[in-house]
Amino acid sequence: MADRSGLKLLGFIFASVTLAVMLATGMVVKGYADGSYSLETSASIEE
């Protein structure tokens, strides 16, 4: 069984990744809401 310090470190890693994803998603959604992004430009960037 894993020790508590390892699990605590793993929890902090997962929490920070989750927070980063939430922030990035929020910024993208805000960009779409403000109209700074459009589907055509994002599709051309991905290609």
N, C-alpha and C. Protein backbone atom coordinates (compact mmCIF):
# COMPACT_ATOMS: atom_id res chain seq x y z
N MET A 1 0.85 -1.19 0.00
CA MET A 1 0.00 0.00 0.00
C MET A 1 0.89 1.25 0.00
N ALA A 2 0.44 2.25 -0.74
CA ALA A 2 1.24 3.47 -0.87
C ALA A 2 1.26 4.25 0.44
N ASP A 3 2.36 4.93 0.68
CA ASP A 3 2.45 5.74 1.89
C ASP A 3 1.70 7.06 1.71
N ARG A 4 1.41 7.70 2.84
CA ARG A 4 0.58 8.90 2.79
C ARG A 4 1.26 10.06 2.08
N SER A 5 2.57 10.19 2.22
CA SER A 5 3.24 11.32 1.56
C SER A 5 3.18 11.18 0.04
N GLY A 6 3.30 9.95 -0.45
CA GLY A 6 3.20 9.72 -1.89
C GLY A 6 1.81 10.04 -2.40
N LEU A 7 0.80 9.61 -1.64
CA LEU A 7 -0.58 9.90 -2.04
C LEU A 7 -0.87 11.39 -1.98
N LYS A 8 -0.29 12.08 -1.00
CA LYS A 8 -0.49 13.52 -0.88
C LYS A 8 0.14 14.23 -2.08
N LEU A 9 1.34 13.80 -2.46
CA LEU A 9 2.00 14.39 -3.63
C LEU A 9 1.18 14.15 -4.89
N LEU A 10 0.69 12.92 -5.04
CA LEU A 10 -0.13 12.58 -6.21
C LEU A 10 -1.39 13.43 -6.22
N GLY A 11 -1.99 13.65 -5.06
CA GLY A 11 -3.18 14.48 -4.98
C GLY A 11 -2.90 15.91 -5.40
N PHE A 12 -1.77 16.46 -4.97
CA PHE A 12 -1.41 17.82 -5.37
C PHE A 12 -1.18 17.91 -6.87
N ILE A 13 -0.55 16.87 -7.45
CA ILE A 13 -0.32 16.86 -8.90
C ILE A 13 -1.64 16.85 -9.65
N PHE A 14 -2.56 15.96 -9.24
CA PHE A 14 -3.86 15.90 -9.91
C PHE A 14 -4.63 17.19 -9.72
N ALA A 15 -4.55 17.78 -8.53
CA ALA A 15 -5.27 19.04 -8.28
C ALA A 15 -4.74 20.16 -9.15
N SER A 16 -3.41 20.25 -9.29
CA SER A 16 -2.83 21.32 -10.10
C SER A 16 -3.15 21.13 -11.58
N VAL A 17 -3.13 19.88 -12.05
CA VAL A 17 -3.50 19.62 -13.45
C VAL A 17 -4.96 19.98 -13.69
N THR A 18 -5.83 19.59 -12.76
CA THR A 18 -7.25 19.91 -12.89
C THR A 18 -7.47 21.41 -12.91
N LEU A 19 -6.78 22.13 -12.04
CA LEU A 19 -6.92 23.59 -11.99
C LEU A 19 -6.43 24.22 -13.30
N ALA A 20 -5.32 23.72 -13.83
CA ALA A 20 -4.79 24.27 -15.07
C ALA A 20 -5.76 24.04 -16.23
N VAL A 21 -6.36 22.85 -16.28
CA VAL A 21 -7.32 22.54 -17.35
C VAL A 21 -8.55 23.43 -17.21
N MET A 22 -9.03 23.62 -15.97
CA MET A 22 -10.20 24.48 -15.76
C MET A 22 -9.91 25.91 -16.18
N LEU A 23 -8.72 26.42 -15.85
CA LEU A 23 -8.36 27.78 -16.24
C LEU A 23 -8.27 27.91 -17.76
N ALA A 24 -7.63 26.95 -18.42
CA ALA A 24 -7.50 27.00 -19.87
C ALA A 24 -8.87 26.94 -20.54
N THR A 25 -9.74 26.06 -20.04
CA THR A 25 -11.08 25.94 -20.60
C THR A 25 -11.86 27.23 -20.41
N GLY A 26 -11.74 27.81 -19.22
CA GLY A 26 -12.43 29.07 -18.97
C GLY A 26 -11.95 30.18 -19.88
N MET A 27 -10.66 30.23 -20.16
CA MET A 27 -10.13 31.26 -21.05
C MET A 27 -10.63 31.06 -22.47
N VAL A 28 -10.70 29.81 -22.92
CA VAL A 28 -11.19 29.53 -24.27
C VAL A 28 -12.67 29.88 -24.38
N VAL A 29 -13.45 29.49 -23.37
CA VAL A 29 -14.88 29.80 -23.39
C VAL A 29 -15.10 31.31 -23.37
N LYS A 30 -14.31 32.02 -22.55
CA LYS A 30 -14.42 33.48 -22.51
C LYS A 30 -14.05 34.08 -23.86
N GLY A 31 -13.05 33.52 -24.51
CA GLY A 31 -12.67 34.01 -25.84
C GLY A 31 -13.78 33.82 -26.85
N TYR A 32 -14.43 32.65 -26.83
CA TYR A 32 -15.55 32.42 -27.72
C TYR A 32 -16.69 33.36 -27.40
N ALA A 33 -16.96 33.59 -26.10
CA ALA A 33 -18.05 34.47 -25.70
C ALA A 33 -17.76 35.91 -26.13
N ASP A 34 -16.51 36.34 -26.06
CA ASP A 34 -16.15 37.69 -26.48
C ASP A 34 -16.07 37.81 -28.00
N GLY A 35 -16.00 36.69 -28.70
CA GLY A 35 -15.96 36.72 -30.16
C GLY A 35 -14.56 36.88 -30.71
N SER A 36 -13.54 36.72 -29.87
CA SER A 36 -12.18 36.88 -30.37
C SER A 36 -11.73 35.66 -31.17
N TYR A 37 -12.38 34.52 -30.92
CA TYR A 37 -12.11 33.32 -31.71
C TYR A 37 -13.32 33.02 -32.57
N SER A 38 -13.07 32.44 -33.75
CA SER A 38 -14.18 31.91 -34.52
C SER A 38 -13.81 30.49 -34.93
N LEU A 39 -14.81 29.69 -35.27
CA LEU A 39 -14.56 28.29 -35.59
C LEU A 39 -13.69 28.16 -36.83
N GLU A 40 -13.82 29.08 -37.77
CA GLU A 40 -13.04 28.99 -38.99
C GLU A 40 -11.55 29.20 -38.72
N THR A 41 -11.20 30.17 -37.89
CA THR A 41 -9.79 30.44 -37.65
C THR A 41 -9.17 29.30 -36.84
N SER A 42 -9.91 28.77 -35.86
CA SER A 42 -9.32 27.69 -35.06
C SER A 42 -9.15 26.43 -35.90
N ALA A 43 -10.06 26.19 -36.84
CA ALA A 43 -9.94 25.02 -37.70
C ALA A 43 -8.72 25.16 -38.63
N SER A 44 -8.47 26.38 -39.12
CA SER A 44 -7.33 26.56 -40.02
C SER A 44 -6.01 26.46 -39.26
N ILE A 45 -6.00 26.84 -37.98
CA ILE A 45 -4.77 26.74 -37.19
C ILE A 45 -4.42 25.27 -36.93
N GLU A 46 -5.46 24.44 -36.68
CA GLU A 46 -5.21 23.04 -36.33
C GLU A 46 -4.68 22.24 -37.52
N GLU A 47 -4.99 22.66 -38.74
CA GLU A 47 -4.59 21.88 -39.91
C GLU A 47 -3.10 22.02 -40.20
